[in-house]
Amino acid sequence: MSARPARLGFPVKIMGQPDLKSNDARRSGSNPHLKVSLEYLDAILDYLDQHHIRMYRMSSDIAPYATHPDMPQFHSMV
């Protein structure tokens, strides 16, 4: 049996660089958008690549209000 290399990963919050956001957390009146969350995710993935971290759990809030039943104006962004 061969030893498998350990894999380093972490969920959502980037503790090594706290200014990296995981999703567009603006309130609905400020028109949050998936595009903003994807730009944040791109920066996070760059950070992870620089540190050779290959596992990451994305925030379930990446698409703001996309499934909120009372806010259909956000449903089409996905």
C-alpha atoms as a PDB file:
ATOM      1  CA  MET A   1       0.000   0.000   0.000  1.00  0.00           C
ATOM      2  CA  SER A   2       1.450   3.381  -0.986  1.00  0.00           C
ATOM      3  CA  ALA A   3       1.152   6.464   1.183  1.00  0.00           C
ATOM      4  CA  ARG A   4      -1.035   9.207  -0.209  1.00  0.00           C
ATOM      5  CA  PRO A   5       0.218  12.783   0.122  1.00  0.00           C
ATOM      6  CA  ALA A   6      -1.629  14.967   2.590  1.00  0.00           C
ATOM      7  CA  ARG A   7      -3.871  17.593   1.045  1.00  0.00           C
ATOM      8  CA  LEU A   8      -4.240  20.969   2.634  1.00  0.00           C
ATOM      9  CA  GLY A   9      -7.473  22.874   2.264  1.00  0.00           C
ATOM     10  CA  PHE A  10      -9.869  25.089   4.168  1.00  0.00           C
ATOM     11  CA  PRO A  11     -13.413  26.426   3.951  1.00  0.00           C
ATOM     12  CA  VAL A  12     -14.650  29.846   2.852  1.00  0.00           C
ATOM     13  CA  LYS A  13     -12.691  32.293   5.087  1.00  0.00           C
ATOM     14  CA  ILE A  14      -9.075  32.964   4.113  1.00  0.00           C
ATOM     15  CA  MET A  15      -7.334  33.508   7.436  1.00  0.00           C
ATOM     16  CA  GLY A  16      -3.920  34.143   5.844  1.00  0.00           C
ATOM     17  CA  GLN A  17      -5.299  37.170   4.001  1.00  0.00           C
ATOM     18  CA  PRO A  18      -8.462  38.367   5.763  1.00  0.00           C
ATOM     19  CA  ASP A  19      -9.197  41.115   3.217  1.00  0.00           C
ATOM     20  CA  LEU A  20     -10.151  38.461   0.628  1.00  0.00           C
ATOM     21  CA  LYS A  21     -13.942  38.213   0.513  1.00  0.00           C
ATOM     22  CA  SER A  22     -15.719  35.008  -0.410  1.00  0.00           C
ATOM     23  CA  ASN A  23     -18.950  36.496  -1.771  1.00  0.00           C
ATOM     24  CA  ASP A  24     -20.790  39.727  -2.559  1.00  0.00           C
ATOM     25  CA  ALA A  25     -22.438  40.338   0.816  1.00  0.00           C
ATOM     26  CA  ARG A  26     -24.154  43.612  -0.039  1.00  0.00           C
ATOM     27  CA  ARG A  27     -27.819  43.869   0.870  1.00  0.00           C
ATOM     28  CA  SER A  28     -30.436  43.461  -1.841  1.00  0.00           C
ATOM     29  CA  GLY A  29     -30.968  47.234  -2.207  1.00  0.00           C
ATOM     30  CA  SER A  30     -27.337  47.612  -3.304  1.00  0.00           C
ATOM     31  CA  ASN A  31     -27.807  45.095  -6.144  1.00  0.00           C
ATOM     32  CA  PRO A  32     -25.266  42.404  -5.219  1.00  0.00           C
ATOM     33  CA  HIS A  33     -24.289  40.206  -8.139  1.00  0.00           C
ATOM     34  CA  LEU A  34     -22.745  36.854  -8.944  1.00  0.00           C
ATOM     35  CA  LYS A  35     -20.157  38.635 -11.119  1.00  0.00           C
ATOM     36  CA  VAL A  36     -18.734  40.392  -8.042  1.00  0.00           C
ATOM     37  CA  SER A  37     -18.610  37.105  -6.127  1.00  0.00           C
ATOM     38  CA  LEU A  38     -16.787  35.449  -9.033  1.00  0.00           C
ATOM     39  CA  GLU A  39     -14.193  38.245  -9.050  1.00  0.00           C
ATOM     40  CA  TYR A  40     -13.660  37.651  -5.328  1.00  0.00           C
ATOM     41  CA  LEU A  41     -13.374  33.918  -5.981  1.00  0.00           C
ATOM     42  CA  ASP A  42     -10.766  34.538  -8.684  1.00  0.00           C
ATOM     43  CA  ALA A  43      -8.605  36.423  -6.176  1.00  0.00           C
ATOM     44  CA  ILE A  44      -9.023  33.613  -3.646  1.00  0.00           C
ATOM     45  CA  LEU A  45      -8.028  30.979  -6.201  1.00  0.00           C
ATOM     46  CA  ASP A  46      -4.922  33.018  -7.088  1.00  0.00           C
ATOM     47  CA  TYR A  47      -4.005  33.158  -3.394  1.00  0.00           C
ATOM     48  CA  LEU A  48      -4.541  29.414  -2.988  1.00  0.00           C
ATOM     49  CA  ASP A  49      -2.431  28.666  -6.052  1.00  0.00           C
ATOM     50  CA  GLN A  50       0.428  30.826  -4.754  1.00  0.00           C
ATOM     51  CA  HIS A  51       0.391  28.804  -1.533  1.00  0.00           C
ATOM     52  CA  HIS A  52      -0.037  25.418  -3.251  1.00  0.00           C
ATOM     53  CA  ILE A  53      -3.392  24.827  -1.592  1.00  0.00           C
ATOM     54  CA  ARG A  54      -5.532  22.648  -3.828  1.00  0.00           C
ATOM     55  CA  MET A  55      -8.775  22.295  -1.877  1.00  0.00           C
ATOM     56  CA  TYR A  56     -11.281  25.019  -1.105  1.00  0.00           C
ATOM     57  CA  ARG A  57     -14.937  25.005  -0.100  1.00  0.00           C
ATOM     58  CA  MET A  58     -16.775  27.874  -1.765  1.00  0.00           C
ATOM     59  CA  SER A  59     -19.353  29.878   0.117  1.00  0.00           C
ATOM     60  CA  SER A  60     -22.952  28.838  -0.469  1.00  0.00           C
ATOM     61  CA  ASP A  61     -23.677  32.587  -0.713  1.00  0.00           C
ATOM     62  CA  ILE A  62     -21.666  32.971  -3.920  1.00  0.00           C
ATOM     63  CA  ALA A  63     -24.843  33.894  -5.864  1.00  0.00           C
ATOM     64  CA  PRO A  64     -26.567  36.481  -3.652  1.00  0.00           C
ATOM     65  CA  TYR A  65     -30.314  36.010  -3.270  1.00  0.00           C
ATOM     66  CA  ALA A  66     -30.381  33.640  -6.268  1.00  0.00           C
ATOM     67  CA  THR A  67     -32.808  31.281  -4.548  1.00  0.00           C
ATOM     68  CA  HIS A  68     -34.703  33.762  -2.386  1.00  0.00           C
ATOM     69  CA  PRO A  69     -38.392  33.227  -3.207  1.00  0.00           C
ATOM     70  CA  ASP A  70     -39.338  36.881  -2.634  1.00  0.00           C
ATOM     71  CA  MET A  71     -36.574  38.347  -4.820  1.00  0.00           C
ATOM     72  CA  PRO A  72     -37.032  37.033  -8.370  1.00  0.00           C
ATOM     73  CA  GLN A  73     -34.971  39.915  -9.785  1.00  0.00           C
ATOM     74  CA  PHE A  74     -31.855  38.010  -8.635  1.00  0.00           C
ATOM     75  CA  HIS A  75     -32.832  34.565  -9.964  1.00  0.00           C
ATOM     76  CA  SER A  76     -31.549  35.101 -13.520  1.00  0.00           C
ATOM     77  CA  MET A  77     -27.941  35.901 -12.605  1.00  0.00           C
ATOM     78  CA  VAL A  78     -26.989  32.230 -12.420  1.00  0.00           C
END
